[in-house]
């Protein structure tokens, strides 16, 4: 079982990294709540029954539906700090977690007692996968006192952005005016099942993302958060800068600082700084 992802949320953090005041974080969370963190294939061989044996790359390829937030980051960008590198700069004044079916039934009281105050739960992937533990995780985080939200793992090569946004909104990704529900998240990162950019050109990827975001906003009245890495965003969208005005940024970077942000964002709202939080599920 994998550990949870750890995230800090920080208000309008400048690129220079000045530590924000706690009261500004409270204001930011309030605004979010009111308005919406290589395998080389070898030649195939035959098995005893005549079928081609799986190549190492095929055996290593995950099954559809098993992706989680940040799953692809360590392979492509590294999974931790180098020797001698300092720990994360304490930007965040509130800690939170992201969970998926890999955690099973989560011990939310344990996470609450460890200081976590918000949670994002994987709801959907593509247009066919729904997290079987979503109800326990989403409601459990709420019941223990956390602010909670849901995320969608995007598969742009499977269906349109609008189709996936509707699937997400209909299966846990909606929004509630209860003061404790965060806007949904579009998790757009390296393809865990194939080509890095899902076979899309940079312009096609931008159009797909826009299709998802505008559809989600039409369904829920809220602008979705975008979870990504600067490297993926630059590679697959050409570092498109047109979404930063409305959509909060959740940057993934497992290092001592968030680093350079994608174009269009002057600050990040969430920073996922590690994928190796504690194991707190079944």
Protein backbone atom coordinates (compact mmCIF):
# COMPACT_ATOMS: atom_id res chain seq x y z
CA UNK A 1 0.00 0.00 0.00
CA UNK A 2 1.29 3.43 -0.88
CA UNK A 3 1.42 6.27 1.63
CA UNK A 4 -0.71 9.35 1.29
CA UNK A 5 0.38 12.43 -0.61
CA UNK A 6 1.14 15.44 1.59
CA UNK A 7 0.20 18.96 0.59
CA UNK A 8 0.36 22.42 2.05
CA UNK A 9 -1.90 25.26 1.03
CA UNK A 10 -0.57 28.77 0.94
CA UNK A 11 -2.09 32.09 -0.08
CA UNK A 12 -0.64 33.95 -3.04
CA UNK A 13 2.87 32.72 -2.35
CA UNK A 14 5.31 34.78 -4.43
CA UNK A 15 8.05 33.09 -6.40
CA UNK A 16 10.59 34.47 -3.94
CA UNK A 17 9.01 32.39 -1.18
CA UNK A 18 8.08 34.85 1.56
CA UNK A 19 6.23 33.08 4.34
CA UNK A 20 2.55 34.09 4.36
CA UNK A 21 0.55 35.09 7.40
CA UNK A 22 -1.98 32.64 8.79
CA UNK A 23 -4.81 35.14 8.51
CA UNK A 24 -4.20 35.35 4.76
CA UNK A 25 -4.52 31.59 4.49
CA UNK A 26 -7.85 31.72 6.26
CA UNK A 27 -8.98 34.32 3.77
CA UNK A 28 -7.83 32.19 0.84
CA UNK A 29 -9.55 29.04 2.03
CA UNK A 30 -12.67 31.09 2.60
CA UNK A 31 -12.49 32.37 -0.95
CA UNK A 32 -12.03 28.88 -2.34
CA UNK A 33 -14.99 27.61 -0.36
CA UNK A 34 -17.17 30.51 -1.41
CA UNK A 35 -16.14 30.74 -5.05
CA UNK A 36 -15.21 27.45 -5.91
CA UNK A 37 -1.65 21.46 -3.06
CA UNK A 38 11.58 4.03 -18.69
CA UNK A 39 11.39 0.66 -19.29
CA UNK A 40 12.77 -0.70 -22.56
CA UNK A 41 10.67 -3.40 -24.15
CA UNK A 42 12.50 -6.60 -24.92
CA UNK A 43 11.55 -8.84 -27.86
CA UNK A 44 8.42 -10.84 -27.15
CA UNK A 45 8.74 -14.55 -26.45
CA UNK A 46 6.12 -17.26 -26.66
CA UNK A 47 4.60 -18.98 -23.66
CA UNK A 48 3.85 -22.69 -23.51
CA UNK A 49 0.34 -22.16 -24.85
CA UNK A 50 1.56 -20.12 -27.79
CA UNK A 51 0.60 -16.65 -26.49
CA UNK A 52 3.20 -13.92 -26.61
CA UNK A 53 4.69 -13.32 -23.19
CA UNK A 54 4.34 -9.85 -21.73
CA UNK A 55 7.35 -7.62 -22.14
CA UNK A 56 8.85 -6.01 -19.01
CA UNK A 57 7.26 -2.70 -20.01
CA UNK A 58 3.85 -4.35 -20.35
CA UNK A 59 4.19 -6.07 -17.00
CA UNK A 60 5.16 -2.79 -15.34
CA UNK A 61 2.33 -0.82 -16.92
CA UNK A 62 -0.40 -0.15 -14.33
CA UNK A 63 -3.99 -1.19 -14.83
CA UNK A 64 -6.54 1.46 -15.83
CA UNK A 65 -8.14 3.05 -12.79
CA UNK A 66 -5.13 2.57 -10.54
CA UNK A 67 -3.58 6.02 -11.03
CA UNK A 68 -3.33 8.44 -8.14
CA UNK A 69 -2.39 12.08 -7.76
CA UNK A 70 1.36 12.42 -8.28
CA UNK A 71 1.80 8.80 -9.33
CA UNK A 72 3.96 9.72 -12.30
CA UNK A 73 6.02 12.50 -10.74
CA UNK A 74 8.85 10.47 -9.12
CA UNK A 75 9.61 8.56 -12.33
CA UNK A 76 9.80 11.68 -14.47
CA UNK A 77 11.07 14.30 -12.04
CA UNK A 78 12.51 12.47 -9.06
CA UNK A 79 10.85 11.45 -5.85
CA UNK A 80 12.77 13.20 -3.14
CA UNK A 81 15.45 15.64 -2.08
CA UNK A 82 19.08 15.11 -2.94
CA UNK A 83 21.55 14.39 -0.17
CA UNK A 84 22.26 17.56 1.77
CA UNK A 85 19.31 19.44 0.31
CA UNK A 86 17.23 21.20 3.00
CA UNK A 87 13.69 20.17 3.81
CA UNK A 88 10.65 22.00 2.46
CA UNK A 89 10.51 25.71 3.21
CA UNK A 90 7.59 26.19 5.62
CA UNK A 91 5.31 28.11 3.27
CA UNK A 92 2.15 26.30 4.25
CA UNK A 93 0.19 27.18 7.30
CA UNK A 94 -2.31 24.35 6.80
CA UNK A 95 -1.42 20.73 6.02
CA UNK A 96 -3.60 18.39 4.02
CA UNK A 97 -3.59 15.03 2.27
CA UNK A 98 -4.75 13.41 -0.94
CA UNK A 99 -6.06 9.84 -0.95
CA UNK A 100 -7.36 7.27 -3.43
CA UNK A 101 -8.54 3.67 -3.41
CA UNK A 102 -4.98 2.61 -2.54
CA UNK A 103 -5.58 3.78 1.04
CA UNK A 104 -8.83 1.85 1.46
CA UNK A 105 -10.79 2.87 4.55
CA UNK A 106 -8.80 5.77 5.96
CA UNK A 107 -8.26 6.38 9.68
CA UNK A 108 -9.28 10.02 9.49
CA UNK A 109 -8.98 10.68 13.20
CA UNK A 110 -5.30 9.72 12.99
CA UNK A 111 -4.72 12.23 10.21
CA UNK A 112 -6.68 14.91 12.05
CA UNK A 113 -4.64 14.37 15.20
CA UNK A 114 -1.47 14.71 13.11
CA UNK A 115 -2.52 18.22 12.13
CA UNK A 116 -4.12 17.69 8.73
CA UNK A 117 -7.07 19.98 8.14
CA UNK A 118 -8.12 19.34 4.56
CA UNK A 119 -8.32 16.35 2.23
CA UNK A 120 -8.75 15.73 -1.46
CA UNK A 121 -10.19 12.36 -2.47
CA UNK A 122 -9.92 10.73 -5.88
CA UNK A 123 -13.42 10.39 -7.27
CA UNK A 124 -13.00 9.39 -10.90
CA UNK A 125 -10.60 8.59 -13.72
CA UNK A 126 -11.37 8.90 -17.41
CA UNK A 127 -15.03 8.06 -18.02
CA UNK A 128 -15.33 4.60 -16.51
CA UNK A 129 -13.56 4.48 -13.14
CA UNK A 130 -15.17 5.45 -9.83
CA UNK A 131 -13.25 5.11 -6.55
CA UNK A 132 -14.98 2.32 -4.58
CA UNK A 133 -13.82 3.88 -1.29
CA UNK A 134 -14.97 7.37 -2.18
CA UNK A 135 -17.90 7.56 0.25
CA UNK A 136 -15.85 6.44 3.27
CA UNK A 137 -12.99 8.75 2.39
CA UNK A 138 -14.99 11.81 1.36
CA UNK A 139 -17.55 11.62 4.16
CA UNK A 140 -15.03 10.40 6.72
CA UNK A 141 -12.77 13.40 6.22
CA UNK A 142 -15.78 15.70 6.56
CA UNK A 143 -17.07 13.96 9.68
CA UNK A 144 -13.75 14.32 11.49
CA UNK A 145 -13.81 18.06 10.86
CA UNK A 146 -11.76 18.50 7.69
CA UNK A 147 -12.52 20.64 4.68
CA UNK A 148 -12.72 18.26 1.75
CA UNK A 149 -12.78 18.13 -2.03
CA UNK A 150 -12.60 15.62 -4.87
CA UNK A 151 -10.23 15.16 -7.80
CA UNK A 152 -10.43 13.64 -11.27
CA UNK A 153 -7.47 11.87 -12.89
CA UNK A 154 -7.60 13.01 -16.50
CA UNK A 155 -7.13 10.69 -19.47
CA UNK A 156 -7.28 13.07 -22.45
CA UNK A 157 -6.82 10.26 -24.97
CA UNK A 158 -9.97 8.44 -23.85
CA UNK A 159 -12.74 11.01 -24.31
CA UNK A 160 -13.37 14.74 -24.51
CA UNK A 161 -12.78 17.16 -21.69
CA UNK A 162 -16.50 17.89 -21.48
CA UNK A 163 -17.35 14.19 -21.20
CA UNK A 164 -14.88 13.67 -18.37
CA UNK A 165 -15.95 16.85 -16.56
CA UNK A 166 -19.56 15.70 -16.61
CA UNK A 167 -18.57 12.23 -15.42
CA UNK A 168 -16.59 13.78 -12.57
CA UNK A 169 -19.34 16.21 -11.55
CA UNK A 170 -21.90 13.39 -11.53
CA UNK A 171 -19.76 11.02 -9.47
CA UNK A 172 -18.48 12.94 -6.47
CA UNK A 173 -16.91 15.98 -8.06
CA UNK A 174 -19.76 18.39 -7.46
CA UNK A 175 -19.69 21.37 -5.13
CA UNK A 176 -21.76 22.21 -2.06
CA UNK A 177 -22.40 25.60 -0.50
CA UNK A 178 -21.76 24.26 3.00
CA UNK A 179 -18.57 26.18 3.79
CA UNK A 180 -16.52 22.97 3.94
CA UNK A 181 -16.35 21.78 0.34
CA UNK A 182 -13.42 22.77 -1.89
CA UNK A 183 -13.68 23.08 -5.69
CA UNK A 184 -12.95 19.97 -7.71
CA UNK A 185 -9.45 19.31 -9.05
CA UNK A 186 -8.35 18.40 -12.56
CA UNK A 187 -5.31 16.14 -12.07
CA UNK A 188 -3.42 16.50 -15.35
CA UNK A 189 0.02 14.89 -15.30
CA UNK A 190 2.22 12.38 -17.13
CA UNK A 191 0.28 9.51 -18.67
CA UNK A 192 0.87 6.43 -16.48
CA UNK A 193 -0.43 4.15 -19.23
CA UNK A 194 1.41 5.37 -22.30
CA UNK A 195 2.72 8.45 -24.12
CA UNK A 196 3.57 11.37 -21.84
CA UNK A 197 1.13 13.79 -23.48
CA UNK A 198 -1.54 11.19 -24.26
CA UNK A 199 -0.84 11.48 -27.99
CA UNK A 200 -2.14 15.05 -28.14
CA UNK A 201 -0.39 18.07 -29.62
CA UNK A 202 0.18 21.06 -27.37
CA UNK A 203 -2.73 22.99 -28.89
CA UNK A 204 -5.02 19.96 -28.68
CA UNK A 205 -4.09 19.49 -25.02
CA UNK A 206 -4.89 23.13 -24.23
CA UNK A 207 -8.26 22.74 -25.95
CA UNK A 208 -8.97 19.53 -24.02
CA UNK A 209 -8.18 21.19 -20.70
CA UNK A 210 -10.31 24.22 -21.58
CA UNK A 211 -13.19 21.91 -22.54
CA UNK A 212 -12.98 20.21 -19.13
CA UNK A 213 -12.70 23.44 -17.16
CA UNK A 214 -15.53 25.31 -18.86
CA UNK A 215 -17.84 22.30 -18.60
CA UNK A 216 -17.04 21.83 -14.92
CA UNK A 217 -17.69 25.50 -14.26
CA UNK A 218 -21.02 25.31 -16.08
CA UNK A 219 -22.02 22.23 -14.05
CA UNK A 220 -20.96 23.46 -10.61
CA UNK A 221 -20.59 27.23 -10.79
CA UNK A 222 -16.99 26.91 -9.58
CA UNK A 223 -13.61 27.09 -11.29
CA UNK A 224 -11.69 23.85 -10.93
CA UNK A 225 -8.23 23.67 -9.37
CA UNK A 226 -5.48 22.50 -11.76
CA UNK A 227 -2.98 19.95 -10.40
CA UNK A 228 0.15 19.54 -12.50
CA UNK A 229 3.92 19.90 -12.65
CA UNK A 230 5.78 22.71 -14.39
CA UNK A 231 7.72 20.26 -16.53
CA UNK A 232 4.63 18.39 -17.74
CA UNK A 233 2.76 21.63 -18.36
CA UNK A 234 5.62 23.05 -20.40
CA UNK A 235 6.06 19.85 -22.40
CA UNK A 236 2.43 19.11 -23.13
CA UNK A 237 0.77 22.55 -23.33
CA UNK A 238 3.73 24.62 -24.52
CA UNK A 239 3.60 26.39 -21.15
CA UNK A 240 0.21 27.89 -21.94
CA UNK A 241 -0.57 30.81 -19.64
CA UNK A 242 -4.28 31.34 -20.13
CA UNK A 243 -5.78 29.52 -17.16
CA UNK A 244 -4.11 31.28 -14.24
CA UNK A 245 -6.62 34.11 -13.90
CA UNK A 246 -9.46 31.87 -12.72
CA UNK A 247 -8.07 28.48 -11.79
CA UNK A 248 -6.06 27.91 -8.58
CA UNK A 249 -2.77 26.07 -9.11
CA UNK A 250 -1.82 22.91 -7.26
CA UNK A 251 1.85 22.40 -8.03
CA UNK A 252 3.55 19.03 -7.55
CA UNK A 253 7.26 19.18 -6.81
CA UNK A 254 9.01 16.88 -4.34
CA UNK A 255 11.81 19.20 -3.32
CA UNK A 256 12.63 21.97 -0.86
CA UNK A 257 10.61 24.58 -2.77
CA UNK A 258 7.85 24.68 -5.40
CA UNK A 259 10.33 25.97 -7.96
CA UNK A 260 9.37 27.84 -11.11
CA UNK A 261 5.62 27.85 -11.69
CA UNK A 262 3.86 27.31 -15.03
CA UNK A 263 3.10 30.38 -17.12
CA UNK A 264 0.05 32.36 -16.06
CA UNK A 265 0.37 31.75 -12.32
CA UNK A 266 2.24 34.16 -10.06
CA UNK A 267 1.61 32.00 -7.00
CA UNK A 268 0.45 28.53 -6.05
CA UNK A 269 -2.53 27.71 -3.84
CA UNK A 270 -1.46 24.14 -3.04
CA UNK A 271 1.97 22.52 -3.09
CA UNK A 272 2.29 18.73 -3.00
CA UNK A 273 5.77 18.37 -1.58
CA UNK A 274 5.96 14.61 -1.00
CA UNK A 275 4.27 11.38 -2.02
CA UNK A 276 5.47 9.42 1.00
CA UNK A 277 3.16 10.42 3.81
CA UNK A 278 2.07 7.88 6.44
CA UNK A 279 0.03 4.80 5.62
CA UNK A 280 -3.32 5.23 7.34
CA UNK A 281 -5.67 2.85 5.53
CA UNK A 282 -6.66 -0.80 5.43
